[in-house]
Amino acid sequence: MKSMITVDRDEDGVYIAECPAIPGCVSQGHTEQEAIENIRDAIRECLTVRAEHGMPLTVATREVEIALA
């Protein structure tokens, strides 16, 4: 399974990784690579919990175009 993630660096220098298709699925790391490894584990766990609760595994994500002034 492949999932899109976002990786951003916060004001303390910690890398935050999130999987937008799975609400609440967020992890972090001291390096970008660590955050990516951690989000992989978080995705597995989130999918397991969602399946156990009969929830859809993911939600729809869309790309939209926005005009900037």
Protein backbone atom coordinates (compact mmCIF):
# COMPACT_ATOMS: atom_id res chain seq x y z
CA MET A 1 0.00 0.00 0.00
CA LYS A 2 1.22 3.50 -0.77
CA SER A 3 0.13 6.62 1.07
CA MET A 4 0.89 10.28 0.53
CA ILE A 5 2.42 12.05 3.52
CA THR A 6 3.43 15.57 4.36
CA VAL A 7 6.64 16.41 6.21
CA ASP A 8 7.21 19.80 7.82
CA ARG A 9 9.67 21.17 10.33
CA ASP A 10 8.29 22.94 13.39
CA GLU A 11 9.72 25.93 15.23
CA ASP A 12 11.77 23.64 17.50
CA GLY A 13 13.39 21.87 14.53
CA VAL A 14 11.38 18.66 14.94
CA TYR A 15 10.10 17.06 11.75
CA ILE A 16 6.35 16.39 11.74
CA ALA A 17 4.93 13.80 9.33
CA GLU A 18 1.24 13.41 8.63
CA CYS A 19 -0.89 11.16 6.44
CA PRO A 20 -3.79 13.36 5.24
CA ALA A 21 -5.84 10.35 4.08
CA ILE A 22 -5.99 9.01 7.65
CA PRO A 23 -7.41 11.60 10.07
CA GLY A 24 -5.23 12.00 13.15
CA CYS A 25 -2.34 9.98 11.76
CA VAL A 26 0.67 12.07 12.74
CA SER A 27 4.19 11.29 13.90
CA GLN A 28 7.51 13.07 14.33
CA GLY A 29 11.26 12.63 14.38
CA HIS A 30 14.50 14.47 15.02
CA THR A 31 15.40 14.03 11.34
CA GLU A 32 13.26 13.92 8.23
CA GLN A 33 14.16 10.25 7.71
CA GLU A 34 13.21 9.39 11.30
CA ALA A 35 9.86 11.14 10.88
CA ILE A 36 9.21 9.16 7.68
CA GLU A 37 10.07 5.87 9.39
CA ASN A 38 7.84 6.79 12.33
CA ILE A 39 4.87 7.75 10.13
CA ARG A 40 5.09 4.34 8.45
CA ASP A 41 4.58 2.72 11.86
CA ALA A 42 1.81 5.20 12.71
CA ILE A 43 0.01 4.44 9.43
CA ARG A 44 0.09 0.70 10.16
CA GLU A 45 -1.30 1.27 13.64
CA CYS A 46 -3.98 3.72 12.49
CA LEU A 47 -5.15 1.32 9.78
CA THR A 48 -5.35 -1.52 12.31
CA VAL A 49 -7.42 0.53 14.75
CA ARG A 50 -9.72 1.84 12.02
CA ALA A 51 -10.29 -1.71 10.75
CA GLU A 52 -11.01 -2.98 14.28
CA HIS A 53 -13.65 -0.27 14.69
CA GLY A 54 -15.22 -0.88 11.29
CA MET A 55 -14.19 2.55 10.05
CA PRO A 56 -13.16 3.28 6.48
CA LEU A 57 -9.39 2.83 6.28
CA THR A 58 -8.87 6.19 4.59
CA VAL A 59 -10.81 9.28 3.62
CA ALA A 60 -10.84 10.86 0.18
CA THR A 61 -8.24 13.50 -0.53
CA ARG A 62 -8.42 15.89 -3.45
CA GLU A 63 -6.08 18.30 -5.14
CA VAL A 64 -7.58 21.70 -5.86
CA GLU A 65 -6.23 24.69 -7.73
CA ILE A 66 -6.29 28.03 -5.97
CA ALA A 67 -5.61 31.34 -7.67
CA LEU A 68 -3.29 33.62 -5.72
CA ALA A 69 -3.72 37.35 -5.99
